Amino acid sequence: MEKLIEITNKAVADYGFRQIVQWSPEDIVAQWQLSTREAELLSGVIKDEMDRLPIPVEPTDVPGEQDRLAGVIRQALG
């Protein structure tokens, strides 16, 4: 779970990294050595949430979006 939260935190703050998460999740899975369940979440619910984010996320909104996505991850794995 912590790896996914770290990935989404970085993706919220960095649009270039977000594009990799959204469109090349297999690269992220390999690089971060994610489990099968984490990989499913990355290309499922996490991608859906990334698709909904504004481009770019305003700096003042980054912490709130990071917290929201961490909650989505915790709920999905909980």
Protein backbone atom coordinates (compact mmCIF):
# COMPACT_ATOMS: atom_id res chain seq x y z
CA MET A 1 0.00 0.00 0.00
CA GLU A 2 2.79 2.43 0.85
CA LYS A 3 4.32 2.06 -2.61
CA LEU A 4 0.99 2.93 -4.25
CA ILE A 5 0.57 5.96 -2.02
CA GLU A 6 4.10 7.09 -2.86
CA ILE A 7 3.42 6.62 -6.59
CA THR A 8 0.15 8.54 -6.49
CA ASN A 9 1.66 11.32 -4.37
CA LYS A 10 4.36 11.80 -6.98
CA ALA A 11 1.84 11.55 -9.84
CA VAL A 12 -0.41 14.23 -8.35
CA ALA A 13 2.49 16.66 -8.03
CA ASP A 14 4.25 15.80 -11.32
CA TYR A 15 2.10 15.69 -14.47
CA GLY A 16 4.83 14.01 -16.53
CA PHE A 17 5.05 11.17 -14.03
CA ARG A 18 1.25 10.99 -13.90
CA GLN A 19 1.18 10.33 -17.64
CA ILE A 20 3.50 7.35 -17.16
CA VAL A 21 1.28 6.02 -14.36
CA GLN A 22 -1.82 6.44 -16.53
CA TRP A 23 -0.55 5.18 -19.86
CA SER A 24 2.37 2.84 -19.06
CA PRO A 25 1.39 1.19 -15.78
CA GLU A 26 3.40 -1.92 -16.66
CA ASP A 27 6.57 0.20 -16.45
CA ILE A 28 5.58 1.40 -12.98
CA VAL A 29 4.70 -2.14 -11.86
CA ALA A 30 8.13 -3.41 -12.91
CA GLN A 31 10.11 -0.44 -11.58
CA TRP A 32 8.38 -0.40 -8.19
CA GLN A 33 8.04 -4.21 -7.96
CA LEU A 34 4.33 -4.06 -7.23
CA SER A 35 2.28 -7.10 -6.26
CA THR A 36 -0.43 -8.45 -8.56
CA ARG A 37 -3.12 -6.77 -6.43
CA GLU A 38 -1.27 -3.44 -6.43
CA ALA A 39 -0.86 -3.70 -10.22
CA GLU A 40 -4.62 -4.29 -10.60
CA LEU A 41 -5.38 -1.22 -8.52
CA LEU A 42 -2.86 0.87 -10.45
CA SER A 43 -4.45 0.10 -13.81
CA GLY A 44 -8.00 0.15 -12.41
CA VAL A 45 -9.24 2.46 -9.68
CA ILE A 46 -6.04 4.53 -9.46
CA LYS A 47 -5.99 5.18 -13.21
CA ASP A 48 -9.65 6.20 -13.04
CA GLU A 49 -8.87 8.67 -10.26
CA MET A 50 -5.83 10.02 -12.14
CA ASP A 51 -8.04 10.58 -15.20
CA ARG A 52 -10.29 12.82 -13.09
CA LEU A 53 -7.50 15.09 -11.86
CA PRO A 54 -7.13 18.55 -13.39
CA ILE A 55 -4.15 19.26 -15.62
CA PRO A 56 -2.13 20.37 -13.78
CA VAL A 57 -3.18 20.02 -10.17
CA GLU A 58 -2.75 23.48 -8.65
CA PRO A 59 0.05 23.56 -6.06
CA THR A 60 -2.37 24.54 -3.30
CA ASP A 61 -4.57 21.52 -4.17
CA VAL A 62 -1.77 18.93 -4.26
CA PRO A 63 -1.88 17.93 -0.54
CA GLY A 64 -5.66 17.51 -0.59
CA GLU A 65 -5.59 15.39 -3.74
CA GLN A 66 -2.75 13.29 -2.33
CA ASP A 67 -4.75 12.66 0.85
CA ARG A 68 -7.87 11.82 -1.16
CA LEU A 69 -6.05 9.30 -3.33
CA ALA A 70 -4.36 7.74 -0.28
CA GLY A 71 -7.85 7.23 1.15
CA VAL A 72 -9.02 5.58 -2.07
CA ILE A 73 -6.04 3.21 -1.92
CA ARG A 74 -6.58 2.39 1.76
CA GLN A 75 -10.26 1.70 1.12
CA ALA A 76 -9.50 -0.52 -1.89
CA LEU A 77 -6.95 -2.56 0.06
CA GLY A 78 -8.77 -2.50 3.39
